[in-house]
């Protein structure tokens, strides 16, 4: 008889493993490094570890490094070389802020970050233009017939973005 989940036996079950392909910030950074190699781009990564250093934990007191649950939050910021200019801020809450040529794309789920970057680096990302009212949108196709769309102010239309207007 298996007593591994029986509290009376003194054994506690192991916590369930995360089903996310990128369960940690470090796993996501490894995926970013692999993409940089795949697309022959330089990458520079900085890490912020501890509640007193991560950007969304500004309410943490001085010298407080752990969250109330005892965990140590880990945030990373990566900049890719070349064009388009791309940076990624990976948050401990399993999301990311990706900036493409100055256009911020917030709240990208961590597991979508590699697909998002493949679309950008692989030439699938494009800009749509609307005549009335005038405006531009950065469109980044994602798997599963999804796309991330972000408004682009006309003043932010860089040569790279202008070259992808449809």
Protein backbone atom coordinates (compact mmCIF):
# COMPACT_ATOMS: atom_id res chain seq x y z
CA UNK A 1 0.00 0.00 0.00
CA UNK A 2 1.33 3.46 -0.93
CA UNK A 3 1.21 5.95 1.95
CA UNK A 4 3.08 8.76 0.14
CA UNK A 5 0.08 11.09 0.26
CA UNK A 6 -1.19 9.93 3.65
CA UNK A 7 -0.60 12.69 6.25
CA UNK A 8 -0.62 10.10 9.01
CA UNK A 9 2.41 8.37 7.48
CA UNK A 10 4.55 11.48 7.92
CA UNK A 11 5.26 11.75 4.21
CA UNK A 12 4.22 14.79 2.28
CA UNK A 13 3.64 14.60 -1.45
CA UNK A 14 6.10 16.36 -3.72
CA UNK A 15 4.80 19.63 -5.14
CA UNK A 16 3.45 19.29 -8.67
CA UNK A 17 5.93 20.18 -11.39
CA UNK A 18 5.17 23.26 -13.45
CA UNK A 19 3.80 22.47 -16.89
CA UNK A 20 5.07 25.74 -18.29
CA UNK A 21 7.91 25.31 -20.80
CA UNK A 22 9.67 28.21 -19.05
CA UNK A 23 8.90 27.71 -15.35
CA UNK A 24 11.61 30.07 -14.08
CA UNK A 25 13.26 33.32 -15.07
CA UNK A 26 16.53 31.42 -15.54
CA UNK A 27 14.86 29.00 -17.98
CA UNK A 28 13.50 31.98 -19.93
CA UNK A 29 16.98 33.58 -20.02
CA UNK A 30 18.40 30.31 -21.38
CA UNK A 31 15.73 30.40 -24.11
CA UNK A 32 16.68 34.02 -24.95
CA UNK A 33 20.35 33.04 -25.22
CA UNK A 34 19.43 30.16 -27.54
CA UNK A 35 17.42 32.57 -29.74
CA UNK A 36 20.35 34.98 -29.85
CA UNK A 37 22.56 32.13 -31.08
CA UNK A 38 19.91 30.96 -33.58
CA UNK A 39 19.59 34.44 -35.12
CA UNK A 40 23.30 35.36 -34.77
CA UNK A 41 22.64 38.27 -32.43
CA UNK A 42 24.56 39.53 -29.46
CA UNK A 43 22.73 39.49 -26.15
CA UNK A 44 23.45 41.24 -22.87
CA UNK A 45 21.58 40.06 -19.78
CA UNK A 46 21.39 41.60 -16.31
CA UNK A 47 19.74 39.94 -13.33
CA UNK A 48 17.91 41.53 -10.40
CA UNK A 49 17.41 39.05 -7.58
CA UNK A 50 15.56 39.93 -4.39
CA UNK A 51 12.44 41.90 -3.55
CA UNK A 52 14.53 45.00 -2.89
CA UNK A 53 15.89 44.97 -6.46
CA UNK A 54 13.02 43.83 -8.68
CA UNK A 55 11.02 46.58 -10.35
CA UNK A 56 7.55 45.51 -9.23
CA UNK A 57 8.54 45.22 -5.57
CA UNK A 58 9.11 48.90 -4.82
CA UNK A 59 7.10 48.54 -1.60
CA UNK A 60 9.68 46.14 -0.15
CA UNK A 61 11.51 47.65 2.77
CA UNK A 62 15.21 48.43 2.79
CA UNK A 63 17.21 45.22 3.02
CA UNK A 64 14.12 43.02 2.52
CA UNK A 65 15.05 40.49 -0.16
CA UNK A 66 12.31 37.89 0.06
CA UNK A 67 8.61 38.07 -0.63
CA UNK A 68 6.20 37.50 2.27
CA UNK A 69 6.01 33.80 1.30
CA UNK A 70 9.79 33.46 1.67
CA UNK A 71 10.55 33.21 -2.04
CA UNK A 72 13.34 35.15 -3.70
CA UNK A 73 12.00 36.98 -6.79
CA UNK A 74 14.21 36.95 -9.88
CA UNK A 75 13.87 39.44 -12.72
CA UNK A 76 16.07 39.67 -15.80
CA UNK A 77 16.61 42.29 -18.50
CA UNK A 78 18.01 41.31 -21.90
CA UNK A 79 19.06 43.52 -24.80
CA UNK A 80 19.66 42.09 -28.26
CA UNK A 81 22.16 43.59 -30.68
CA UNK A 82 21.31 44.49 -34.27
CA UNK A 83 18.13 45.66 -35.90
CA UNK A 84 15.41 45.74 -34.88
CA UNK A 85 16.38 46.99 -31.44
CA UNK A 86 14.76 44.56 -29.02
CA UNK A 87 14.81 44.32 -25.25
CA UNK A 88 13.01 41.93 -22.91
CA UNK A 89 12.26 42.41 -19.20
CA UNK A 90 11.25 39.09 -17.61
CA UNK A 91 9.20 39.54 -14.45
CA UNK A 92 8.91 37.01 -11.61
CA UNK A 93 5.13 36.91 -12.17
CA UNK A 94 5.54 34.84 -15.39
CA UNK A 95 5.12 37.71 -17.83
CA UNK A 96 7.40 40.00 -19.80
CA UNK A 97 7.68 43.46 -21.29
CA UNK A 98 9.15 43.30 -24.79
CA UNK A 99 10.21 46.52 -26.48
CA UNK A 100 10.66 46.51 -30.27
CA UNK A 101 12.15 49.68 -31.76
CA UNK A 102 10.78 51.74 -28.86
CA UNK A 103 7.29 50.20 -28.98
CA UNK A 104 6.46 48.62 -25.62
CA UNK A 105 4.52 45.36 -25.68
CA UNK A 106 3.53 44.68 -22.05
CA UNK A 107 2.03 41.60 -20.40
CA UNK A 108 3.44 39.00 -22.78
CA UNK A 109 3.12 35.59 -21.09
CA UNK A 110 6.58 34.13 -20.41
CA UNK A 111 5.87 31.03 -22.53
CA UNK A 112 5.03 33.28 -25.54
CA UNK A 113 8.32 35.21 -25.40
CA UNK A 114 10.34 32.84 -27.67
CA UNK A 115 7.55 32.73 -30.30
CA UNK A 116 7.18 36.52 -30.14
CA UNK A 117 10.91 37.01 -30.73
CA UNK A 118 10.98 34.42 -33.54
CA UNK A 119 8.23 36.41 -35.30
CA UNK A 120 10.18 39.65 -34.89
CA UNK A 121 13.61 38.26 -35.83
CA UNK A 122 12.18 36.02 -38.57
CA UNK A 123 10.46 38.88 -40.41
CA UNK A 124 6.84 37.94 -39.65
CA UNK A 125 6.13 41.01 -37.51
CA UNK A 126 4.68 43.91 -39.46
CA UNK A 127 3.01 47.29 -39.06
CA UNK A 128 -0.50 47.97 -40.25
CA UNK A 129 -1.53 51.47 -41.28
CA UNK A 130 -4.98 52.99 -41.06
CA UNK A 131 -5.97 56.08 -43.02
CA UNK A 132 -8.88 57.27 -40.91
CA UNK A 133 -8.38 57.88 -38.13
CA UNK A 134 -4.69 57.78 -38.94
CA UNK A 135 -2.68 55.29 -36.96
CA UNK A 136 -0.23 52.41 -36.95
CA UNK A 137 -0.14 49.08 -35.12
CA UNK A 138 2.73 46.67 -34.62
CA UNK A 139 1.38 43.16 -35.27
CA UNK A 140 3.39 40.18 -34.02
CA UNK A 141 1.94 36.79 -35.06
CA UNK A 142 1.95 34.06 -32.39
CA UNK A 143 1.19 30.33 -32.63
CA UNK A 144 -2.43 29.24 -32.61
CA UNK A 145 -3.71 31.98 -34.94
CA UNK A 146 -3.05 34.61 -32.32
CA UNK A 147 -1.30 37.95 -32.69
CA UNK A 148 -0.10 40.61 -30.31
CA UNK A 149 -1.07 44.10 -31.52
CA UNK A 150 0.32 47.30 -30.11
CA UNK A 151 -0.39 50.92 -31.06
CA UNK A 152 2.59 52.74 -32.59
CA UNK A 153 2.58 56.55 -32.35
CA UNK A 154 3.54 58.05 -35.71
CA UNK A 155 6.48 59.84 -34.15
CA UNK A 156 7.95 56.46 -33.13
CA UNK A 157 8.02 55.09 -36.68
CA UNK A 158 11.69 54.18 -37.01
CA UNK A 159 13.18 53.16 -40.36
CA UNK A 160 12.80 49.47 -39.36
CA UNK A 161 9.12 49.93 -38.48
CA UNK A 162 8.47 52.05 -41.60
CA UNK A 163 9.94 49.29 -43.74
CA UNK A 164 7.31 46.86 -42.46
CA UNK A 165 4.17 48.93 -43.05
CA UNK A 166 1.43 47.05 -44.94
